[in-house]
Each structure stands twice: as C-alpha cells, then as structure tokens.
C-alpha cells in the first residue's frame, strides 16, 4: 500500500505582509470559487458572529476569507 504524501507547510517571513498568509506565517485556507468562500464566511458569522470578507488572492489566484485590514 502506498504511503500518503504529507503536504509541506508553506510559511513566509514574519516581516512580509501578504493576503495569502495568516499572522503566524501559515497559508490561509484556499477556496476554489467565490461561492465556497462566501459560504464559509457566512458560516463563521452564524456560528461565531465573526464578520469576514471574501477576496481573490493575488498570490495563489484562489479565494480567501479574512477580516478587513482596518479591524486587524
């Protein structure tokens, strides 16, 4: 039976800012469509009352959710 490959965790230097990475340097969850990201943002609002924005990432060209930069 073949061994499952582990994905290498992509991290960035702490000094660099990018919409692709969280504050701790790990990559944000990627969504393939705007609808998937919107559903995840709505779920966060429903479960935890967290207001998140949906945006297209210039780094990976996928969709992410996150707080607006003014709130951080």
C-alpha atoms as a PDB file:
ATOM      1  CA  UNK A   1       0.000   0.000   0.000  1.00  0.00           C
ATOM      2  CA  UNK A   2       1.362   3.403  -0.963  1.00  0.00           C
ATOM      3  CA  UNK A   3       2.154   5.904   1.726  1.00  0.00           C
ATOM      4  CA  UNK A   4       0.152   9.129   1.697  1.00  0.00           C
ATOM      5  CA  UNK A   5       2.316  12.156   0.994  1.00  0.00           C
ATOM      6  CA  UNK A   6       2.308  14.943   3.533  1.00  0.00           C
ATOM      7  CA  UNK A   7       1.888  18.449   2.206  1.00  0.00           C
ATOM      8  CA  UNK A   8       4.770  20.712   3.030  1.00  0.00           C
ATOM      9  CA  UNK A   9       3.609  23.668   5.089  1.00  0.00           C
ATOM     10  CA  UNK A  10       4.322  26.929   3.254  1.00  0.00           C
ATOM     11  CA  UNK A  11       5.384  29.732   5.538  1.00  0.00           C
ATOM     12  CA  UNK A  12       6.515  33.288   4.956  1.00  0.00           C
ATOM     13  CA  UNK A  13       8.941  35.506   6.831  1.00  0.00           C
ATOM     14  CA  UNK A  14       7.164  37.379   9.639  1.00  0.00           C
ATOM     15  CA  UNK A  15       8.257  40.769   8.263  1.00  0.00           C
ATOM     16  CA  UNK A  16       6.459  40.267   4.936  1.00  0.00           C
ATOM     17  CA  UNK A  17       2.761  41.030   4.539  1.00  0.00           C
ATOM     18  CA  UNK A  18       0.598  39.238   2.021  1.00  0.00           C
ATOM     19  CA  UNK A  19      -3.127  38.493   1.802  1.00  0.00           C
ATOM     20  CA  UNK A  20      -2.200  34.818   1.289  1.00  0.00           C
ATOM     21  CA  UNK A  21      -0.764  34.287   4.786  1.00  0.00           C
ATOM     22  CA  UNK A  22      -2.109  34.480   8.328  1.00  0.00           C
ATOM     23  CA  UNK A  23      -0.330  36.498  11.005  1.00  0.00           C
ATOM     24  CA  UNK A  24       1.524  33.402  12.226  1.00  0.00           C
ATOM     25  CA  UNK A  25       3.041  32.891   8.765  1.00  0.00           C
ATOM     26  CA  UNK A  26       0.991  29.891   7.628  1.00  0.00           C
ATOM     27  CA  UNK A  27      -1.038  29.933   4.424  1.00  0.00           C
ATOM     28  CA  UNK A  28      -4.761  30.733   4.636  1.00  0.00           C
ATOM     29  CA  UNK A  29      -7.367  28.199   3.554  1.00  0.00           C
ATOM     30  CA  UNK A  30      -7.977  28.371  -0.178  1.00  0.00           C
ATOM     31  CA  UNK A  31     -11.418  28.187  -1.771  1.00  0.00           C
ATOM     32  CA  UNK A  32     -11.835  27.371  -5.457  1.00  0.00           C
ATOM     33  CA  UNK A  33     -14.854  29.619  -6.008  1.00  0.00           C
ATOM     34  CA  UNK A  34     -16.266  32.847  -4.642  1.00  0.00           C
ATOM     35  CA  UNK A  35     -19.400  30.929  -3.614  1.00  0.00           C
ATOM     36  CA  UNK A  36     -17.410  28.447  -1.479  1.00  0.00           C
ATOM     37  CA  UNK A  37     -15.592  31.297   0.271  1.00  0.00           C
ATOM     38  CA  UNK A  38     -18.856  33.202   0.807  1.00  0.00           C
ATOM     39  CA  UNK A  39     -20.452  30.123   2.352  1.00  0.00           C
ATOM     40  CA  UNK A  40     -17.515  29.735   4.739  1.00  0.00           C
ATOM     41  CA  UNK A  41     -17.718  33.418   5.701  1.00  0.00           C
ATOM     42  CA  UNK A  42     -21.473  33.076   6.317  1.00  0.00           C
ATOM     43  CA  UNK A  43     -20.874  30.009   8.489  1.00  0.00           C
ATOM     44  CA  UNK A  44     -18.318  31.954  10.563  1.00  0.00           C
ATOM     45  CA  UNK A  45     -20.903  34.700  11.065  1.00  0.00           C
ATOM     46  CA  UNK A  46     -23.629  32.214  12.007  1.00  0.00           C
ATOM     47  CA  UNK A  47     -21.511  30.209  14.465  1.00  0.00           C
ATOM     48  CA  UNK A  48     -19.210  32.842  15.939  1.00  0.00           C
ATOM     49  CA  UNK A  49     -20.572  36.278  14.871  1.00  0.00           C
ATOM     50  CA  UNK A  50     -17.294  36.978  13.036  1.00  0.00           C
ATOM     51  CA  UNK A  51     -17.674  39.296  10.040  1.00  0.00           C
ATOM     52  CA  UNK A  52     -15.268  38.162   7.295  1.00  0.00           C
ATOM     53  CA  UNK A  53     -14.640  39.489   3.802  1.00  0.00           C
ATOM     54  CA  UNK A  54     -14.168  37.358   0.687  1.00  0.00           C
ATOM     55  CA  UNK A  55     -11.346  38.293  -1.683  1.00  0.00           C
ATOM     56  CA  UNK A  56      -9.323  36.884  -4.572  1.00  0.00           C
ATOM     57  CA  UNK A  57      -5.674  36.327  -3.663  1.00  0.00           C
ATOM     58  CA  UNK A  58      -3.022  37.909  -5.855  1.00  0.00           C
ATOM     59  CA  UNK A  59      -0.537  35.240  -4.709  1.00  0.00           C
ATOM     60  CA  UNK A  60      -2.390  31.980  -5.452  1.00  0.00           C
ATOM     61  CA  UNK A  61      -5.363  33.306  -7.525  1.00  0.00           C
ATOM     62  CA  UNK A  62      -7.790  31.377  -5.325  1.00  0.00           C
ATOM     63  CA  UNK A  63     -10.327  32.835  -2.857  1.00  0.00           C
ATOM     64  CA  UNK A  64      -9.708  33.535   0.842  1.00  0.00           C
ATOM     65  CA  UNK A  65     -11.726  34.947   3.711  1.00  0.00           C
ATOM     66  CA  UNK A  66     -10.427  37.359   6.309  1.00  0.00           C
ATOM     67  CA  UNK A  67     -11.091  40.413   8.372  1.00  0.00           C
ATOM     68  CA  UNK A  68     -10.658  43.795   6.773  1.00  0.00           C
ATOM     69  CA  UNK A  69      -7.281  45.381   7.431  1.00  0.00           C
ATOM     70  CA  UNK A  70      -8.961  48.186   9.402  1.00  0.00           C
ATOM     71  CA  UNK A  71     -10.222  45.679  12.002  1.00  0.00           C
ATOM     72  CA  UNK A  72      -6.899  43.922  12.500  1.00  0.00           C
END
